[in-house]
C-alpha cells in the first residue's frame, strides 16, 4: 500500500469510481482536483499500475484503451482506507 505515490493512488481511486474509463476520462476526472496533468505524467503511471497488477488494460478501439481496477487494486484501496480510518475519525472532525 505504501509503494504507490499519492498520484498513483488518486488514479486508482478515480478508476474505481468509473466504468472502464479511458486514459483521457481518468485525466479529465483528476483535473477536477489537480490543476494540470500532462500526458507524460498520466500514461507512464497508468502503465506502472498495469505492470504492478493494480489495473488491467483493454482496448476500446485502435487508439483508445480502457482501464479497470483488478482485485489487487481493490484490495490496496481497501487496505489504505482502513489504515487512514485507524488514524482519522472524519465524524469527529465535523
Protein backbone atom coordinates (compact mmCIF):
# COMPACT_ATOMS: atom_id res chain seq x y z
CA UNK A 1 0.00 0.00 0.00
CA UNK A 2 2.90 2.36 0.61
CA UNK A 3 4.76 1.56 -2.61
CA UNK A 4 2.40 3.81 -4.57
CA UNK A 5 2.74 7.55 -5.00
CA UNK A 6 -0.14 9.80 -3.99
CA UNK A 7 -0.82 10.42 -7.68
CA UNK A 8 -0.99 6.67 -8.38
CA UNK A 9 -3.45 6.24 -5.50
CA UNK A 10 -5.54 9.07 -6.95
CA UNK A 11 -5.54 7.30 -10.32
CA UNK A 12 -6.73 4.08 -8.65
CA UNK A 13 -9.48 5.89 -6.73
CA UNK A 14 -10.77 7.63 -9.87
CA UNK A 15 -10.62 4.43 -11.89
CA UNK A 16 -12.55 2.60 -9.17
CA UNK A 17 -15.36 5.16 -9.41
CA UNK A 18 -15.81 4.91 -13.18
CA UNK A 19 -16.89 2.16 -15.56
CA UNK A 20 -13.94 1.19 -17.77
CA UNK A 21 -12.62 4.73 -18.22
CA UNK A 22 -10.19 5.67 -20.96
CA UNK A 23 -6.97 7.40 -20.03
CA UNK A 24 -8.48 10.67 -21.22
CA UNK A 25 -11.52 10.20 -18.96
CA UNK A 26 -9.25 9.48 -15.99
CA UNK A 27 -7.26 12.61 -16.83
CA UNK A 28 -10.45 14.71 -17.05
CA UNK A 29 -11.70 13.46 -13.68
CA UNK A 30 -8.34 14.06 -11.99
CA UNK A 31 -8.14 17.57 -13.40
CA UNK A 32 -11.22 18.48 -11.41
CA UNK A 33 -8.97 18.40 -8.34
CA UNK A 34 -5.42 18.55 -9.69
CA UNK A 35 -4.58 21.59 -11.81
CA UNK A 36 -2.55 20.23 -14.68
CA UNK A 37 -1.97 16.65 -15.68
CA UNK A 38 0.15 16.01 -18.71
CA UNK A 39 0.15 13.01 -20.99
CA UNK A 40 3.74 12.42 -19.87
CA UNK A 41 2.66 12.14 -16.25
CA UNK A 42 -0.54 10.14 -16.58
CA UNK A 43 0.29 7.40 -19.05
CA UNK A 44 3.59 6.22 -17.50
CA UNK A 45 1.74 5.95 -14.18
CA UNK A 46 -1.11 4.00 -15.81
CA UNK A 47 1.48 1.67 -17.36
CA UNK A 48 3.15 1.18 -13.97
CA UNK A 49 -0.18 0.40 -12.29
CA UNK A 50 -0.95 -2.15 -15.00
CA UNK A 51 2.54 -3.71 -14.66
CA UNK A 52 2.14 -3.91 -10.87
CA UNK A 53 -1.22 -5.64 -11.27
CA UNK A 54 -3.42 -2.90 -9.77
CA UNK A 55 -5.14 -2.10 -13.06
CA UNK A 56 -5.99 -4.13 -16.12
CA UNK A 57 -5.99 -2.58 -19.56
CA UNK A 58 -8.20 -3.34 -22.54
CA UNK A 59 -8.82 -1.81 -25.91
CA UNK A 60 -11.83 0.29 -26.89
CA UNK A 61 -10.56 0.90 -30.40
CA UNK A 62 -7.20 1.04 -32.17
CA UNK A 63 -6.25 4.27 -30.42
CA UNK A 64 -8.06 4.12 -27.10
CA UNK A 65 -7.53 1.88 -24.09
CA UNK A 66 -9.73 1.44 -21.07
CA UNK A 67 -8.65 0.64 -17.52
CA UNK A 68 -10.25 -1.40 -14.76
CA UNK A 69 -9.34 -1.96 -11.17
CA UNK A 70 -8.12 -5.51 -10.51
CA UNK A 71 -8.82 -7.45 -7.33
CA UNK A 72 -5.32 -6.47 -6.20
CA UNK A 73 -6.10 -2.81 -6.94
CA UNK A 74 -9.33 -3.01 -4.99
CA UNK A 75 -7.52 -4.64 -2.10
CA UNK A 76 -4.91 -1.90 -1.91
CA UNK A 77 -7.62 0.78 -1.83
CA UNK A 78 -9.49 -1.04 0.94
CA UNK A 79 -6.27 -1.53 2.92
CA UNK A 80 -5.36 2.15 2.51
CA UNK A 81 -8.80 3.32 3.61
CA UNK A 82 -8.66 1.09 6.70
CA UNK A 83 -5.21 2.44 7.54
CA UNK A 84 -6.42 6.04 7.11
CA UNK A 85 -9.53 5.35 9.21
CA UNK A 86 -7.38 3.97 12.01
CA UNK A 87 -5.84 7.44 12.38
CA UNK A 88 -8.55 9.84 11.26
CA UNK A 89 -12.10 9.88 12.53
CA UNK A 90 -13.92 12.03 9.97
CA UNK A 91 -17.12 12.13 12.04
CA UNK A 92 -15.22 13.61 14.99
CA UNK A 93 -13.77 16.31 12.74
CA UNK A 94 -17.16 17.58 11.54
